[in-house]
Amino acid sequence: MKVAIFGGSFNPVHNEHINIVKEAIKRLSLDKVVIMPSNITPAKSGRMLASAEDRLKMCRIAFSAVPKTEVSDFEISNKGISYSYITCREFQKKYPDSERYFILGGDSLENFHEWKYPEEILKCVTLAVCARGDNLRLERARNDFVARFKKDVKVIGYVGNNVSSTKVRVLSALGESLEGYVERNVENYLNKNSVYLIDCAGQIKKSLSAHRWIHTVGVAVAAAENCTRYGVSEKDAVTASLLHDCGKELAKDKALISQCGISSNVPSPVVHQFISAYLAEHVYGVKDENILNAVKYHCSGRENMTPLEKLVYLSDMIEEGRDYDDVEELRNIFKRDKDEALLYALKRQLKRLNSAGLPIYCLTQKAYDYLEEHRYE
């Protein structure tokens, strides 16, 4: 008998999880795959996390129609942090005479040596790795693994779609359609139980034009995908992004500008950040100063910006819908060094304003000067 474990946070379970299992069954001739949602996954803190009960139920929904699979609550029932070596020991006891596999992605193979007691895992199972299309990267990881552990891995040569659980969570949090990302009954469960939904998302969407909303979703996705680099919680990153332009289309409302107490020396392209922060607090009920400030300075920046302020400022500029001349250059810099990217973005903004003969807001100049002064600290 050939059996395999497919573990993970499944936060949430999506279509590629299902496709990987189907391919593993076919290519490894498996008799059974045990789907193992974790209780608490090491190194996954800071993410918007569905409850263990919700993730278990969604896995059962998603895999209900996939033959040769069963969903286990072993790790969830054990409480605490879910370590794979404990699960694999139990797996060995339950299937002592079977050919046992542990299914994982190529990126997980790269850092497998950092897992808790990896040698203990390998005493119990053979790793089965999903290639996910980057064959050169996988080959390097496989060679490193063999050199370190003196044991080979099975490769599941499946190339699927690059579905990001992070993006699925963001779309769900903003009330967007998940068609093509998750099984329909999983989407229904997410919507019915508001698993990730941010309460004010629907209200903000109704207040914005379609174009502005698409941009807002793009900023939220970019911020969520990069939040761990800043030590920022995913929920804060998505919430601030959701709110950052909520007042954009009210920037010419003189009564509202007066109500917000915005000074007359604020350049018109910057006004909306203050209106958005005001609405975030007084209409949408946000009281977290960190989130409010990320909204308030997302356009101008300011000196000594917080990590969340930097994240929202840059996510606003690099989200996938942006197509100005040097956006790819900024995206590439951002991948290498987030502070250099911020400096580049501010410098670009100052240069553009100078060239157009437009006023430079004092906060933007101060933000740039501060970064220049502290860039090598």
Protein backbone atom coordinates (compact mmCIF):
# COMPACT_ATOMS: atom_id res chain seq x y z
CA MET A 1 0.00 0.00 0.00
CA LYS A 2 1.21 3.50 -0.86
CA VAL A 3 0.08 6.34 1.39
CA ALA A 4 1.01 10.01 1.66
CA ILE A 5 0.51 12.97 3.96
CA PHE A 6 -0.29 16.36 2.50
CA GLY A 7 -0.04 18.89 5.29
CA GLY A 8 -0.27 22.63 5.62
CA SER A 9 -2.20 25.48 7.12
CA PHE A 10 -4.75 25.39 4.25
CA ASN A 11 -5.49 29.01 5.01
CA PRO A 12 -7.65 28.59 3.00
CA VAL A 13 -7.60 25.40 0.96
CA HIS A 14 -7.58 26.32 -2.75
CA ASN A 15 -7.76 24.65 -6.15
CA GLU A 16 -4.03 24.06 -6.50
CA HIS A 17 -4.03 22.07 -3.26
CA ILE A 18 -6.63 19.80 -4.86
CA ASN A 19 -4.72 19.58 -8.15
CA ILE A 20 -1.45 18.70 -6.41
CA VAL A 21 -3.13 15.84 -4.55
CA LYS A 22 -4.73 14.51 -7.73
CA GLU A 23 -1.39 14.58 -9.54
CA ALA A 24 0.41 12.92 -6.62
CA ILE A 25 -2.15 10.10 -6.60
CA LYS A 26 -1.69 9.58 -10.33
CA ARG A 27 2.08 9.91 -10.61
CA LEU A 28 3.00 8.01 -7.43
CA SER A 29 0.17 5.43 -7.76
CA LEU A 30 -1.00 6.27 -4.26
CA ASP A 31 -3.74 4.32 -2.53
CA LYS A 32 -4.46 7.07 -0.03
CA VAL A 33 -3.58 10.70 0.71
CA VAL A 34 -4.18 12.02 4.21
CA ILE A 35 -4.92 15.76 4.18
CA MET A 36 -3.50 17.20 7.40
CA PRO A 37 -4.48 20.76 8.36
CA SER A 38 -2.09 22.14 10.97
CA ASN A 39 -3.19 23.66 14.24
CA ILE A 40 -0.44 26.30 14.39
CA THR A 41 2.15 26.30 11.61
CA PRO A 42 5.70 27.35 12.54
CA ALA A 43 6.87 30.57 10.82
CA LYS A 44 3.33 31.54 9.69
CA SER A 45 2.59 34.12 12.37
CA GLY A 46 1.16 37.50 11.43
CA ARG A 47 -1.15 36.16 8.73
CA MET A 48 -4.92 36.43 8.76
CA LEU A 49 -5.67 32.95 10.06
CA ALA A 50 -8.97 31.15 9.83
CA SER A 51 -9.79 29.11 12.92
CA ALA A 52 -8.67 25.50 13.05
CA GLU A 53 -12.31 24.44 12.92
CA ASP A 54 -12.96 26.51 9.78
CA ARG A 55 -9.86 25.23 8.00
CA LEU A 56 -10.72 21.63 8.86
CA LYS A 57 -14.29 22.03 7.59
CA MET A 58 -13.12 23.71 4.37
CA CYS A 59 -10.66 20.87 3.70
CA ARG A 60 -13.44 18.34 4.15
CA ILE A 61 -15.61 20.30 1.74
CA ALA A 62 -12.82 20.70 -0.83
CA PHE A 63 -11.69 17.07 -0.84
CA SER A 64 -15.09 15.44 -0.45
CA ALA A 65 -15.23 14.62 -4.16
CA VAL A 66 -11.57 13.54 -4.52
CA PRO A 67 -11.22 9.73 -4.37
CA LYS A 68 -8.49 8.16 -2.20
CA THR A 69 -8.33 11.12 0.18
CA GLU A 70 -9.26 11.58 3.81
CA VAL A 71 -8.97 14.68 5.99
CA SER A 72 -7.39 14.18 9.41
CA ASP A 73 -7.78 16.31 12.52
CA PHE A 74 -4.68 14.79 14.15
CA GLU A 75 -2.60 17.99 14.30
CA ILE A 76 -5.56 20.18 15.21
CA SER A 77 -6.61 17.83 18.00
CA ASN A 78 -3.07 17.82 19.39
CA LYS A 79 -3.25 21.60 19.88
CA GLY A 80 -0.12 23.77 20.07
CA ILE A 81 2.44 24.11 17.29
CA SER A 82 2.17 21.43 14.61
CA TYR A 83 5.55 19.82 14.03
CA SER A 84 5.81 17.44 11.09
CA TYR A 85 8.19 15.05 12.85
CA ILE A 86 5.47 14.23 15.41
CA THR A 87 2.89 13.70 12.69
CA CYS A 88 5.23 11.52 10.64
CA ARG A 89 6.03 9.31 13.64
CA GLU A 90 2.32 8.73 14.16
CA PHE A 91 1.91 8.12 10.43
CA GLN A 92 4.61 5.43 10.56
CA LYS A 93 2.88 3.72 13.49
CA LYS A 94 -0.47 3.73 11.69
CA TYR A 95 0.95 2.46 8.36
CA PRO A 96 4.02 0.43 9.38
CA ASP A 97 4.05 -1.82 6.32
CA SER A 98 3.17 0.83 3.74
CA GLU A 99 5.27 2.89 1.38
CA ARG A 100 4.95 6.31 3.01
CA TYR A 101 5.36 9.76 1.40
CA PHE A 102 5.19 13.37 2.56
CA ILE A 103 4.03 15.78 -0.15
CA LEU A 104 5.47 19.30 -0.17
CA GLY A 105 6.33 22.16 -2.55
CA GLY A 106 9.72 22.98 -4.00
CA ASP A 107 10.04 26.10 -1.85
CA SER A 108 9.57 23.94 1.25
CA LEU A 109 12.32 21.59 0.07
CA GLU A 110 14.72 24.55 0.00
CA ASN A 111 14.29 25.21 3.71
CA PHE A 112 13.54 21.65 4.84
CA HIS A 113 16.81 21.55 6.78
CA GLU A 114 15.41 24.34 8.98
CA TRP A 115 12.40 22.27 10.02
CA LYS A 116 12.36 20.80 13.52
CA TYR A 117 14.17 17.43 13.55
CA PRO A 118 14.20 16.88 9.77
CA GLU A 119 16.16 13.63 10.17
CA GLU A 120 13.30 12.22 12.23
CA ILE A 121 10.86 13.03 9.44
CA LEU A 122 13.04 11.24 6.91
CA LYS A 123 13.13 8.10 9.06
CA CYS A 124 9.37 7.87 8.62
CA VAL A 125 8.64 9.07 5.08
CA THR A 126 10.06 9.81 1.66
CA LEU A 127 9.57 13.37 0.48
CA ALA A 128 7.50 13.84 -2.67
CA VAL A 129 8.06 17.31 -4.10
CA CYS A 130 5.81 19.23 -6.45
CA ALA A 131 7.94 20.95 -9.10
CA ARG A 132 5.58 23.92 -9.68
CA GLY A 133 7.35 24.81 -12.95
CA ASP A 134 10.72 26.16 -11.78
CA ASN A 135 12.81 23.12 -12.67
CA LEU A 136 16.20 24.77 -12.24
CA ARG A 137 15.37 25.98 -8.75
CA LEU A 138 13.97 22.57 -7.84
CA GLU A 139 17.07 20.79 -9.14
CA ARG A 140 19.31 23.00 -7.00
CA ALA A 141 17.16 22.35 -3.95
CA ARG A 142 17.14 18.62 -4.67
CA ASN A 143 20.91 18.48 -5.04
CA ASP A 144 21.39 20.39 -1.78
CA PHE A 145 18.94 18.07 -0.05
CA VAL A 146 20.68 14.90 -1.30
CA ALA A 147 24.10 16.26 -0.31
CA ARG A 148 22.88 17.12 3.18
CA PHE A 149 20.66 14.14 4.02
CA LYS A 150 22.06 11.40 1.72
CA LYS A 151 18.53 10.55 0.63
CA ASP A 152 16.68 11.31 -2.60
CA VAL A 153 13.20 12.74 -3.11
CA LYS A 154 10.41 11.82 -5.48
CA VAL A 155 9.46 14.59 -7.90
CA ILE A 156 5.83 15.13 -8.88
CA GLY A 157 6.25 16.79 -12.25
CA TYR A 158 3.14 18.90 -12.02
CA VAL A 159 3.12 22.47 -13.30
CA GLY A 160 -0.02 24.23 -12.19
CA ASN A 161 -1.23 27.74 -11.71
CA ASN A 162 0.55 30.03 -9.29
CA VAL A 163 -2.29 30.42 -6.79
CA SER A 164 -1.31 32.42 -3.73
CA SER A 165 -3.16 31.71 -0.47
CA THR A 166 -2.31 35.29 0.46
CA LYS A 167 -4.15 36.65 -2.56
CA VAL A 168 -7.14 34.41 -1.87
CA ARG A 169 -7.33 35.71 1.71
CA VAL A 170 -7.15 39.33 0.53
CA LEU A 171 -9.88 38.84 -2.07
CA SER A 172 -12.04 37.13 0.52
CA ALA A 173 -11.34 39.88 3.08
CA LEU A 174 -12.52 42.48 0.56
CA GLY A 175 -15.59 40.52 -0.47
CA GLU A 176 -14.35 39.78 -3.99
CA SER A 177 -15.18 36.74 -6.09
CA LEU A 178 -12.92 33.71 -5.59
CA GLU A 179 -13.99 31.98 -8.80
CA GLY A 180 -11.06 30.06 -10.23
CA TYR A 181 -9.20 30.12 -6.92
CA VAL A 182 -11.25 27.92 -4.62
CA GLU A 183 -13.94 25.27 -5.00
CA ARG A 184 -17.40 26.86 -5.10
CA ASN A 185 -18.62 25.30 -1.86
CA VAL A 186 -15.47 26.54 -0.12
CA GLU A 187 -16.23 30.06 -1.34
CA ASN A 188 -19.79 29.71 -0.08
CA TYR A 189 -18.45 28.67 3.32
CA LEU A 190 -16.06 31.61 3.44
CA ASN A 191 -18.81 34.06 2.54
CA LYS A 192 -21.46 32.59 4.83
CA ASN A 193 -19.14 32.62 7.83
CA SER A 194 -17.25 35.87 7.01
CA VAL A 195 -14.04 33.97 7.71
CA TYR A 196 -11.68 36.72 6.53
CA LEU A 197 -14.09 39.54 5.68
CA ILE A 198 -13.25 43.07 6.84
CA ASP A 199 -16.53 44.63 7.94
CA CYS A 200 -16.29 47.94 6.08
CA ALA A 201 -15.11 46.47 2.76
CA GLY A 202 -18.55 46.37 1.14
CA GLN A 203 -19.35 49.92 2.19
CA ILE A 204 -16.05 51.24 0.80
CA LYS A 205 -16.47 49.35 -2.47
CA LYS A 206 -19.89 50.96 -3.00
CA SER A 207 -18.40 54.42 -2.41
CA LEU A 208 -15.67 54.04 -5.06
CA SER A 209 -15.64 53.88 -8.84
CA ALA A 210 -14.83 50.52 -10.41
CA HIS A 211 -11.39 51.77 -11.45
CA ARG A 212 -10.56 53.03 -7.96
CA TRP A 213 -11.74 49.79 -6.38
CA ILE A 214 -9.57 47.66 -8.68
CA HIS A 215 -6.58 49.77 -7.65
CA THR A 216 -7.49 49.38 -3.98
CA VAL A 217 -7.62 45.60 -4.30
CA GLY A 218 -4.24 45.65 -6.06
CA VAL A 219 -2.67 47.68 -3.25
CA ALA A 220 -4.10 45.33 -0.63
CA VAL A 221 -2.67 42.29 -2.43
CA ALA A 222 0.78 43.89 -2.80
CA ALA A 223 0.80 44.93 0.86
CA ALA A 224 -0.26 41.50 2.09
CA GLU A 225 2.34 39.74 -0.05
CA ASN A 226 5.11 41.89 1.43
CA CYS A 227 3.91 42.49 4.99
CA THR A 228 6.25 39.95 6.61
CA ARG A 229 9.24 41.85 5.21
CA TYR A 230 8.14 44.81 7.33
CA GLY A 231 7.10 42.88 10.41
CA VAL A 232 3.54 44.08 9.84
CA SER A 233 0.44 41.97 10.45
CA GLU A 234 -1.44 40.97 7.32
CA LYS A 235 -4.73 42.25 8.74
CA ASP A 236 -3.25 45.72 9.36
CA ALA A 237 -1.67 45.77 5.89
CA VAL A 238 -4.95 44.86 4.18
CA THR A 239 -7.06 47.19 6.33
CA ALA A 240 -4.82 50.21 5.72
CA SER A 241 -4.73 49.44 1.99
CA LEU A 242 -8.51 49.10 1.87
CA LEU A 243 -8.87 52.54 3.44
CA HIS A 244 -6.01 54.40 1.76
CA ASP A 245 -8.07 55.88 -1.10
CA CYS A 246 -11.53 55.80 0.47
CA GLY A 247 -11.65 59.62 0.22
CA LYS A 248 -9.93 59.92 -3.16
CA GLU A 249 -13.09 60.75 -5.08
CA LEU A 250 -14.19 63.31 -2.49
CA ALA A 251 -11.01 65.38 -2.70
CA LYS A 252 -12.86 68.36 -4.23
CA ASP A 253 -15.62 68.46 -1.62
CA LYS A 254 -14.92 71.82 0.00
CA ALA A 255 -17.27 71.21 2.91
CA LEU A 256 -15.55 67.94 3.72
CA ILE A 257 -12.10 69.50 3.36
CA SER A 258 -13.12 72.15 5.86
CA GLN A 259 -14.59 69.53 8.18
CA CYS A 260 -11.31 67.60 8.09
CA GLY A 261 -9.35 70.75 8.97
CA ILE A 262 -7.03 70.47 5.98
CA SER A 263 -4.73 73.45 5.56
CA SER A 264 -4.95 75.50 2.37
CA ASN A 265 -1.24 74.97 1.68
CA VAL A 266 -1.72 71.24 1.09
CA PRO A 267 -1.28 70.51 -2.65
CA SER A 268 -4.45 69.17 -4.26
CA PRO A 269 -3.00 65.72 -5.15
CA VAL A 270 -2.25 65.17 -1.45
CA VAL A 271 -5.59 66.28 0.00
CA HIS A 272 -7.24 62.88 -0.37
CA GLN A 273 -4.88 61.18 2.08
CA PHE A 274 -6.16 63.39 4.90
CA ILE A 275 -9.78 62.96 3.84
CA SER A 276 -9.29 59.18 3.70
CA ALA A 277 -7.79 59.12 7.20
CA TYR A 278 -10.69 61.25 8.49
CA LEU A 279 -13.27 58.93 6.94
CA ALA A 280 -11.40 55.87 8.20
CA GLU A 281 -11.72 57.14 11.75
CA HIS A 282 -15.07 58.92 11.78
CA VAL A 283 -17.09 56.91 9.26
CA TYR A 284 -15.53 53.45 9.31
CA GLY A 285 -14.66 53.42 12.99
CA VAL A 286 -10.91 52.75 12.82
CA LYS A 287 -9.14 53.74 16.03
CA ASP A 288 -5.71 52.19 15.48
CA GLU A 289 -3.28 55.13 15.10
CA ASN A 290 -0.82 52.97 13.16
CA ILE A 291 -3.44 52.20 10.50
CA LEU A 292 -4.75 55.76 10.45
CA ASN A 293 -1.25 57.17 9.94
CA ALA A 294 -0.53 54.72 7.13
CA VAL A 295 -3.63 56.10 5.38
CA LYS A 296 -2.85 59.70 6.31
CA TYR A 297 0.67 59.70 4.79
CA HIS A 298 0.35 57.16 1.98
CA CYS A 299 0.65 59.84 -0.73
CA SER A 300 3.14 62.30 0.73
CA GLY A 301 5.21 60.15 3.05
CA ARG A 302 6.83 61.82 6.05
CA GLU A 303 10.08 61.65 7.98
CA ASN A 304 10.76 58.54 10.07
CA MET A 305 7.88 56.55 8.59
CA THR A 306 6.64 53.46 10.40
CA PRO A 307 6.92 50.04 8.72
CA LEU A 308 3.20 50.05 7.90
CA GLU A 309 3.42 53.56 6.42
CA LYS A 310 6.32 52.51 4.19
CA LEU A 311 4.51 49.35 3.12
CA VAL A 312 1.30 51.12 2.09
CA TYR A 313 3.19 53.97 0.40
CA LEU A 314 5.17 51.54 -1.78
CA SER A 315 2.32 49.09 -2.36
CA ASP A 316 0.32 52.01 -3.74
CA MET A 317 3.09 52.61 -6.28
CA ILE A 318 3.94 49.04 -7.31
CA GLU A 319 0.57 47.25 -7.35
CA GLU A 320 0.10 45.22 -10.51
CA GLY A 321 -2.22 47.75 -12.16
CA ARG A 322 0.41 50.49 -12.22
CA ASP A 323 1.99 51.06 -15.65
CA TYR A 324 4.00 54.31 -15.53
CA ASP A 325 7.40 54.46 -17.23
CA ASP A 326 9.75 53.22 -14.52
CA VAL A 327 7.40 51.11 -12.44
CA GLU A 328 9.30 47.92 -13.32
CA GLU A 329 12.52 49.48 -12.11
CA LEU A 330 10.86 50.37 -8.81
CA ARG A 331 9.43 46.85 -8.49
CA ASN A 332 12.86 45.33 -9.07
CA ILE A 333 14.47 47.59 -6.48
CA PHE A 334 11.67 46.78 -4.04
CA LYS A 335 12.41 43.06 -4.36
CA ARG A 336 16.06 43.70 -3.43
CA ASP A 337 15.85 46.43 -0.81
CA LYS A 338 12.64 47.98 0.51
CA ASP A 339 14.32 51.11 1.92
CA GLU A 340 16.18 51.78 -1.32
CA ALA A 341 12.84 51.39 -3.09
CA LEU A 342 11.28 54.01 -0.82
CA LEU A 343 14.15 56.41 -1.47
CA TYR A 344 13.86 55.81 -5.22
CA ALA A 345 10.10 56.41 -5.13
CA LEU A 346 10.40 59.64 -3.16
CA LYS A 347 13.22 60.91 -5.38
CA ARG A 348 11.13 60.10 -8.44
CA GLN A 349 8.17 62.00 -6.98
CA LEU A 350 10.26 65.08 -6.21
CA LYS A 351 11.83 65.05 -9.66
CA ARG A 352 8.43 64.73 -11.36
CA LEU A 353 6.98 67.64 -9.37
CA ASN A 354 10.03 69.82 -10.08
CA SER A 355 9.90 69.06 -13.79
CA ALA A 356 6.22 69.94 -13.95
CA GLY A 357 6.68 73.10 -11.90
CA LEU A 358 4.27 71.80 -9.27
CA PRO A 359 4.49 72.56 -5.55
CA ILE A 360 6.39 70.09 -3.38
CA TYR A 361 4.64 69.28 -0.15
CA CYS A 362 6.91 69.77 2.85
CA LEU A 363 6.27 66.27 4.23
CA THR A 364 7.52 64.66 1.02
CA GLN A 365 10.74 66.66 1.07
CA LYS A 366 11.23 65.81 4.74
CA ALA A 367 10.63 62.13 4.05
CA TYR A 368 13.30 62.12 1.35
CA ASP A 369 15.80 64.13 3.40
CA TYR A 370 15.33 61.87 6.40
CA LEU A 371 15.96 58.73 4.34
CA GLU A 372 19.05 60.24 2.72
CA GLU A 373 20.43 61.16 6.13
CA HIS A 374 19.76 57.73 7.67
CA ARG A 375 20.17 55.41 4.67
CA TYR A 376 23.43 53.82 5.86
CA GLU A 377 22.48 53.42 9.52
